[in-house]
Amino acid sequence: LVPLIAKIASNLVIGDPGGVAGGPVFCGPLIREEPRQGALAFQQRLAAAGATPILEATTMDTPTRGHFITPGMWKVDSFSRTENAHDAGCDIEVFGPILRVTECTSLDDGIAQVNATRYGLAASIFTNDRTATDRFLAEARAGCVNVNAGTAGASGKLPFGGLGLSGNHRPAGSFALDYCAYPVASMVETAPGAAPAPGMRFEDAWLS
């Protein structure tokens, strides 16, 4: 599976989304030079921490301006919630096409690896085992948990947000109606007269 993913990644069409590349484009450039350099620097950090390179990301020369970079793919021993620079599986978000992979020994180990993050935006499992599916849906700590579908391409009708640092407690989708509107309470009395509250004395003669 890992070599196949690397093969697909190395053949992705990267270029100008406007069509200058001559056909459909999988992804365009990064928004600025800083994220591109950050992705390359993180790749060097992985190498120093002992990760195994499967596919190294490089900058691209294109006919159009833009901060283009090819995908990178690295194998790590395991993932952890640490920010330790010497841990290749450290819990750091990289805003660039750097994929880290690891091998899990069991479903328990896989779920533990998925939950070894402070972010928890999205998680996916690919399986035909209903028991594994039910466990993953129940135990994966993420705002978007998918089965036999990737972590990208979320539905605009569904909530979207992480359970950790990737979330802001406003999950979007149809739930956005709840926090984009302000509730207003109104009570309208239609009876010809108001009933006095307990302990309130009132006589009609006082109105004359």
C-alpha atoms as a PDB file:
ATOM      1  CA  LEU A   1       0.000   0.000   0.000  1.00  0.00           C
ATOM      2  CA  VAL A   2       2.712   2.494   0.956  1.00  0.00           C
ATOM      3  CA  PRO A   3       4.655   2.101  -2.341  1.00  0.00           C
ATOM      4  CA  LEU A   4       1.377   2.523  -4.246  1.00  0.00           C
ATOM      5  CA  ILE A   5       0.571   5.743  -2.393  1.00  0.00           C
ATOM      6  CA  ALA A   6       4.076   7.024  -3.133  1.00  0.00           C
ATOM      7  CA  LYS A   7       3.647   6.150  -6.822  1.00  0.00           C
ATOM      8  CA  ILE A   8       0.347   8.023  -7.016  1.00  0.00           C
ATOM      9  CA  ALA A   9       1.768  11.012  -5.120  1.00  0.00           C
ATOM     10  CA  SER A  10       4.753  11.260  -7.452  1.00  0.00           C
ATOM     11  CA  ASN A  11       2.403  11.436 -10.454  1.00  0.00           C
ATOM     12  CA  LEU A  12      -0.003  14.073  -9.172  1.00  0.00           C
ATOM     13  CA  VAL A  13      -0.599  17.001 -11.516  1.00  0.00           C
ATOM     14  CA  ILE A  14       0.562  20.159  -9.744  1.00  0.00           C
ATOM     15  CA  GLY A  15       0.229  23.511 -11.438  1.00  0.00           C
ATOM     16  CA  ASP A  16      -1.853  26.609 -12.030  1.00  0.00           C
ATOM     17  CA  PRO A  17      -5.496  25.860 -11.114  1.00  0.00           C
ATOM     18  CA  GLY A  18      -6.489  28.302 -13.846  1.00  0.00           C
ATOM     19  CA  GLY A  19      -5.673  25.698 -16.454  1.00  0.00           C
ATOM     20  CA  VAL A  20      -2.259  26.813 -17.660  1.00  0.00           C
ATOM     21  CA  ALA A  21      -0.959  23.321 -16.836  1.00  0.00           C
ATOM     22  CA  GLY A  22      -2.933  22.003 -19.809  1.00  0.00           C
ATOM     23  CA  GLY A  23      -5.587  19.988 -18.000  1.00  0.00           C
ATOM     24  CA  PRO A  24      -7.085  19.133 -14.616  1.00  0.00           C
ATOM     25  CA  VAL A  25      -4.845  20.050 -11.692  1.00  0.00           C
ATOM     26  CA  PHE A  26      -4.764  18.152  -8.405  1.00  0.00           C
ATOM     27  CA  CYS A  27      -3.365  21.075  -6.415  1.00  0.00           C
ATOM     28  CA  GLY A  28      -1.932  24.516  -6.940  1.00  0.00           C
ATOM     29  CA  PRO A  29       0.775  26.498  -5.134  1.00  0.00           C
ATOM     30  CA  LEU A  30       1.046  27.264  -1.445  1.00  0.00           C
ATOM     31  CA  ILE A  31      -0.229  30.684  -0.461  1.00  0.00           C
ATOM     32  CA  ARG A  32       3.184  32.178   0.422  1.00  0.00           C
ATOM     33  CA  GLU A  33       6.864  31.317   0.374  1.00  0.00           C
ATOM     34  CA  GLU A  34       6.954  30.888   4.164  1.00  0.00           C
ATOM     35  CA  PRO A  35       4.771  27.736   4.201  1.00  0.00           C
ATOM     36  CA  ARG A  36       6.824  26.243   1.391  1.00  0.00           C
ATOM     37  CA  GLN A  37      10.072  26.811   3.256  1.00  0.00           C
ATOM     38  CA  GLY A  38       8.386  25.562   6.418  1.00  0.00           C
ATOM     39  CA  ALA A  39       7.442  22.298   4.714  1.00  0.00           C
ATOM     40  CA  LEU A  40      10.979  21.813   3.421  1.00  0.00           C
ATOM     41  CA  ALA A  41      12.414  22.626   6.855  1.00  0.00           C
ATOM     42  CA  PHE A  42      10.077  20.110   8.489  1.00  0.00           C
ATOM     43  CA  GLN A  43      11.284  17.514   6.022  1.00  0.00           C
ATOM     44  CA  GLN A  44      14.861  18.166   7.160  1.00  0.00           C
ATOM     45  CA  ARG A  45      13.683  17.859  10.750  1.00  0.00           C
ATOM     46  CA  LEU A  46      12.184  14.451   9.966  1.00  0.00           C
ATOM     47  CA  ALA A  47      15.454  13.279   8.450  1.00  0.00           C
ATOM     48  CA  ALA A  48      17.396  14.435  11.507  1.00  0.00           C
ATOM     49  CA  ALA A  49      14.928  12.616  13.780  1.00  0.00           C
ATOM     50  CA  GLY A  50      15.449   9.317  11.982  1.00  0.00           C
ATOM     51  CA  ALA A  51      12.399   9.156   9.718  1.00  0.00           C
ATOM     52  CA  THR A  52      12.743   7.128   6.527  1.00  0.00           C
ATOM     53  CA  PRO A  53      12.251   9.064   3.265  1.00  0.00           C
ATOM     54  CA  ILE A  54       9.870   7.425   0.812  1.00  0.00           C
ATOM     55  CA  LEU A  55       9.325  10.460  -1.404  1.00  0.00           C
ATOM     56  CA  GLU A  56      11.098  13.776  -0.850  1.00  0.00           C
ATOM     57  CA  ALA A  57       9.312  17.063  -1.470  1.00  0.00           C
ATOM     58  CA  THR A  58      11.069  19.572  -3.728  1.00  0.00           C
ATOM     59  CA  THR A  59      10.345  23.023  -5.068  1.00  0.00           C
ATOM     60  CA  MET A  60       9.033  23.275  -8.621  1.00  0.00           C
ATOM     61  CA  ASP A  61       9.796  25.508 -11.571  1.00  0.00           C
ATOM     62  CA  THR A  62       6.565  26.327 -13.397  1.00  0.00           C
ATOM     63  CA  PRO A  63       5.617  28.632 -16.289  1.00  0.00           C
ATOM     64  CA  THR A  64       3.481  30.682 -13.898  1.00  0.00           C
ATOM     65  CA  ARG A  65       4.341  32.453 -10.685  1.00  0.00           C
ATOM     66  CA  GLY A  66       3.582  30.625  -7.467  1.00  0.00           C
ATOM     67  CA  HIS A  67       5.071  28.819  -4.504  1.00  0.00           C
ATOM     68  CA  PHE A  68       4.844  25.280  -5.890  1.00  0.00           C
ATOM     69  CA  ILE A  69       6.140  22.179  -4.123  1.00  0.00           C
ATOM     70  CA  THR A  70       5.924  18.465  -4.866  1.00  0.00           C
ATOM     71  CA  PRO A  71       4.543  16.020  -2.267  1.00  0.00           C
ATOM     72  CA  GLY A  72       6.777  14.405   0.324  1.00  0.00           C
ATOM     73  CA  MET A  73       6.221  11.108   2.128  1.00  0.00           C
ATOM     74  CA  TRP A  74       8.114   9.847   5.180  1.00  0.00           C
ATOM     75  CA  LYS A  75       7.839   6.772   7.385  1.00  0.00           C
ATOM     76  CA  VAL A  76       7.966   7.250  11.160  1.00  0.00           C
ATOM     77  CA  ASP A  77       8.000   4.716  13.989  1.00  0.00           C
ATOM     78  CA  SER A  78       4.837   6.056  15.631  1.00  0.00           C
ATOM     79  CA  PHE A  79       2.901   9.244  16.331  1.00  0.00           C
ATOM     80  CA  SER A  80       2.836  11.059  19.664  1.00  0.00           C
ATOM     81  CA  ARG A  81       1.354  14.207  21.205  1.00  0.00           C
ATOM     82  CA  THR A  82       4.798  15.663  21.869  1.00  0.00           C
ATOM     83  CA  GLU A  83       6.337  18.688  20.138  1.00  0.00           C
ATOM     84  CA  ASN A  84       9.813  17.244  20.678  1.00  0.00           C
ATOM     85  CA  ALA A  85      12.003  18.187  17.710  1.00  0.00           C
ATOM     86  CA  HIS A  86      13.832  14.864  18.010  1.00  0.00           C
ATOM     87  CA  ASP A  87      10.622  12.846  17.567  1.00  0.00           C
ATOM     88  CA  ALA A  88       9.735  12.227  13.913  1.00  0.00           C
ATOM     89  CA  GLY A  89       6.162  11.411  14.940  1.00  0.00           C
ATOM     90  CA  CYS A  90       5.750  14.682  16.829  1.00  0.00           C
ATOM     91  CA  ASP A  91       2.373  16.408  16.932  1.00  0.00           C
ATOM     92  CA  ILE A  92       3.087  19.323  14.591  1.00  0.00           C
ATOM     93  CA  GLU A  93       0.806  20.668  11.852  1.00  0.00           C
ATOM     94  CA  VAL A  94       2.610  21.303   8.581  1.00  0.00           C
ATOM     95  CA  PHE A  95       0.862  23.477   6.022  1.00  0.00           C
ATOM     96  CA  GLY A  96       2.357  21.727   3.042  1.00  0.00           C
ATOM     97  CA  PRO A  97       2.121  18.368   1.228  1.00  0.00           C
ATOM     98  CA  ILE A  98       4.204  16.312   3.664  1.00  0.00           C
ATOM     99  CA  LEU A  99       2.678  12.917   4.497  1.00  0.00           C
ATOM    100  CA  ARG A 100       3.930  10.824   7.402  1.00  0.00           C
ATOM    101  CA  VAL A 101       3.029   7.143   7.560  1.00  0.00           C
ATOM    102  CA  THR A 102       3.464   4.461  10.196  1.00  0.00           C
ATOM    103  CA  GLU A 103       2.528   0.799  10.543  1.00  0.00           C
ATOM    104  CA  CYS A 104       0.048  -0.330  13.191  1.00  0.00           C
ATOM    105  CA  THR A 105       0.069  -3.762  14.784  1.00  0.00           C
ATOM    106  CA  SER A 106      -3.662  -3.937  15.560  1.00  0.00           C
ATOM    107  CA  LEU A 107      -6.916  -1.983  15.522  1.00  0.00           C
ATOM    108  CA  ASP A 108      -6.201  -0.918  19.102  1.00  0.00           C
ATOM    109  CA  ASP A 109      -2.825   0.423  18.028  1.00  0.00           C
ATOM    110  CA  GLY A 110      -4.363   2.144  15.009  1.00  0.00           C
ATOM    111  CA  ILE A 111      -6.963   3.961  17.081  1.00  0.00           C
ATOM    112  CA  ALA A 112      -4.284   4.958  19.587  1.00  0.00           C
ATOM    113  CA  GLN A 113      -2.186   6.379  16.740  1.00  0.00           C
ATOM    114  CA  VAL A 114      -5.176   8.317  15.378  1.00  0.00           C
ATOM    115  CA  ASN A 115      -5.821   9.815  18.804  1.00  0.00           C
ATOM    116  CA  ALA A 116      -2.170  10.738  19.414  1.00  0.00           C
ATOM    117  CA  THR A 117      -2.790  14.358  18.477  1.00  0.00           C
ATOM    118  CA  ARG A 118      -3.897  17.618  20.037  1.00  0.00           C
ATOM    119  CA  TYR A 119      -5.752  18.623  16.864  1.00  0.00           C
ATOM    120  CA  GLY A 120      -8.342  15.995  15.881  1.00  0.00           C
ATOM    121  CA  LEU A 121      -9.838  17.544  12.756  1.00  0.00           C
ATOM    122  CA  ALA A 122     -10.515  14.421  10.672  1.00  0.00           C
ATOM    123  CA  ALA A 123      -9.859  10.681  10.706  1.00  0.00           C
ATOM    124  CA  SER A 124     -10.641   7.840   8.300  1.00  0.00           C
ATOM    125  CA  ILE A 125     -10.645   4.062   8.320  1.00  0.00           C
ATOM    126  CA  PHE A 126     -10.713   1.796   5.274  1.00  0.00           C
ATOM    127  CA  THR A 127     -12.254  -1.575   6.074  1.00  0.00           C
ATOM    128  CA  ASN A 128     -15.150  -3.932   5.335  1.00  0.00           C
ATOM    129  CA  ASP A 129     -15.190  -5.153   8.930  1.00  0.00           C
ATOM    130  CA  ARG A 130     -18.331  -3.810  10.621  1.00  0.00           C
ATOM    131  CA  THR A 131     -16.931  -4.384  14.105  1.00  0.00           C
ATOM    132  CA  ALA A 132     -13.820  -2.350  13.260  1.00  0.00           C
ATOM    133  CA  THR A 133     -16.012   0.348  11.720  1.00  0.00           C
ATOM    134  CA  ASP A 134     -18.213   0.634  14.802  1.00  0.00           C
ATOM    135  CA  ARG A 135     -15.216   0.801  17.125  1.00  0.00           C
ATOM    136  CA  PHE A 136     -13.495   3.439  15.013  1.00  0.00           C
ATOM    137  CA  LEU A 137     -16.605   5.617  14.814  1.00  0.00           C
ATOM    138  CA  ALA A 138     -17.021   5.388  18.572  1.00  0.00           C
ATOM    139  CA  GLU A 139     -13.399   5.803  19.661  1.00  0.00           C
ATOM    140  CA  ALA A 140     -11.662   8.043  17.106  1.00  0.00           C
ATOM    141  CA  ARG A 141     -11.431  11.529  18.607  1.00  0.00           C
ATOM    142  CA  ALA A 142     -12.005  13.762  15.596  1.00  0.00           C
ATOM    143  CA  GLY A 143     -14.637  16.172  14.370  1.00  0.00           C
ATOM    144  CA  CYS A 144     -15.018  14.346  11.035  1.00  0.00           C
ATOM    145  CA  VAL A 145     -14.778  10.541  11.166  1.00  0.00           C
ATOM    146  CA  ASN A 146     -15.126   8.763   7.813  1.00  0.00           C
ATOM    147  CA  VAL A 147     -15.360   5.146   6.679  1.00  0.00           C
ATOM    148  CA  ASN A 148     -13.867   4.106   3.326  1.00  0.00           C
ATOM    149  CA  ALA A 149     -13.498   7.772   2.397  1.00  0.00           C
ATOM    150  CA  GLY A 150     -10.562  10.136   2.783  1.00  0.00           C
ATOM    151  CA  THR A 151     -10.251  13.011   5.212  1.00  0.00           C
ATOM    152  CA  ALA A 152     -10.682  15.669   2.512  1.00  0.00           C
ATOM    153  CA  GLY A 153     -13.839  16.817   0.737  1.00  0.00           C
ATOM    154  CA  ALA A 154     -16.141  17.433   3.709  1.00  0.00           C
ATOM    155  CA  SER A 155     -19.842  18.028   3.080  1.00  0.00           C
ATOM    156  CA  GLY A 156     -21.112  21.569   3.543  1.00  0.00           C
ATOM    157  CA  LYS A 157     -24.289  20.141   5.095  1.00  0.00           C
ATOM    158  CA  LEU A 158     -22.436  18.375   7.898  1.00  0.00           C
ATOM    159  CA  PRO A 159     -20.607  19.825  10.905  1.00  0.00           C
ATOM    160  CA  PHE A 160     -16.945  20.519  10.246  1.00  0.00           C
ATOM    161  CA  GLY A 161     -14.482  21.150  13.017  1.00  0.00           C
ATOM    162  CA  GLY A 162     -11.943  19.477  15.231  1.00  0.00           C
ATOM    163  CA  LEU A 163     -12.316  18.312  18.804  1.00  0.00           C
ATOM    164  CA  GLY A 164      -8.963  19.785  19.832  1.00  0.00           C
ATOM    165  CA  LEU A 165      -6.778  22.642  18.602  1.00  0.00           C
ATOM    166  CA  SER A 166      -8.322  22.351  15.130  1.00  0.00           C
ATOM    167  CA  GLY A 167     -11.760  23.242  16.488  1.00  0.00           C
ATOM    168  CA  ASN A 168     -13.400  26.446  17.667  1.00  0.00           C
ATOM    169  CA  HIS A 169     -16.664  24.986  19.040  1.00  0.00           C
ATOM    170  CA  ARG A 170     -18.518  26.276  15.966  1.00  0.00           C
ATOM    171  CA  PRO A 171     -18.795  23.186  13.764  1.00  0.00           C
ATOM    172  CA  ALA A 172     -20.381  24.844  10.688  1.00  0.00           C
ATOM    173  CA  GLY A 173     -22.730  22.981   8.365  1.00  0.00           C
ATOM    174  CA  SER A 174     -26.388  23.083   9.364  1.00  0.00           C
ATOM    175  CA  PHE A 175     -25.242  23.705  12.944  1.00  0.00           C
ATOM    176  CA  ALA A 176     -24.123  27.186  11.861  1.00  0.00           C
ATOM    177  CA  LEU A 177     -27.748  28.316  12.209  1.00  0.00           C
ATOM    178  CA  ASP A 178     -27.408  27.906  15.960  1.00  0.00           C
ATOM    179  CA  TYR A 179     -24.499  30.293  16.418  1.00  0.00           C
ATOM    180  CA  CYS A 180     -25.081  32.731  13.549  1.00  0.00           C
ATOM    181  CA  ALA A 181     -28.484  33.745  14.955  1.00  0.00           C
ATOM    182  CA  TYR A 182     -29.302  35.407  18.268  1.00  0.00           C
ATOM    183  CA  PRO A 183     -32.223  33.884  20.202  1.00  0.00           C
ATOM    184  CA  VAL A 184     -34.956  36.341  21.241  1.00  0.00           C
ATOM    185  CA  ALA A 185     -37.719  35.335  23.666  1.00  0.00           C
ATOM    186  CA  SER A 186     -41.223  36.881  23.497  1.00  0.00           C
ATOM    187  CA  MET A 187     -44.362  36.252  25.566  1.00  0.00           C
ATOM    188  CA  VAL A 188     -47.685  37.592  24.210  1.00  0.00           C
ATOM    189  CA  GLU A 189     -50.793  37.662  26.431  1.00  0.00           C
ATOM    190  CA  THR A 190     -54.102  37.568  24.505  1.00  0.00           C
ATOM    191  CA  ALA A 191     -56.529  37.375  27.448  1.00  0.00           C
ATOM    192  CA  PRO A 192     -58.671  40.530  28.109  1.00  0.00           C
ATOM    193  CA  GLY A 193     -57.139  40.944  31.532  1.00  0.00           C
ATOM    194  CA  ALA A 194     -53.979  39.993  33.319  1.00  0.00           C
ATOM    195  CA  ALA A 195     -54.090  37.689  36.321  1.00  0.00           C
ATOM    196  CA  PRO A 196     -52.519  39.216  39.449  1.00  0.00           C
ATOM    197  CA  ALA A 197     -49.453  37.485  40.712  1.00  0.00           C
ATOM    198  CA  PRO A 198     -49.680  35.552  44.001  1.00  0.00           C
ATOM    199  CA  GLY A 199     -49.667  37.969  46.913  1.00  0.00           C
ATOM    200  CA  MET A 200     -50.623  40.962  44.708  1.00  0.00           C
ATOM    201  CA  ARG A 201     -53.819  42.748  45.762  1.00  0.00           C
ATOM    202  CA  PHE A 202     -55.909  44.436  43.092  1.00  0.00           C
ATOM    203  CA  GLU A 203     -59.432  45.838  42.960  1.00  0.00           C
ATOM    204  CA  ASP A 204     -61.251  46.977  39.811  1.00  0.00           C
ATOM    205  CA  ALA A 205     -62.403  50.079  41.661  1.00  0.00           C
ATOM    206  CA  TRP A 206     -58.842  51.320  41.646  1.00  0.00           C
ATOM    207  CA  LEU A 207     -59.147  51.882  37.884  1.00  0.00           C
ATOM    208  CA  SER A 208     -61.916  54.477  38.268  1.00  0.00           C
END
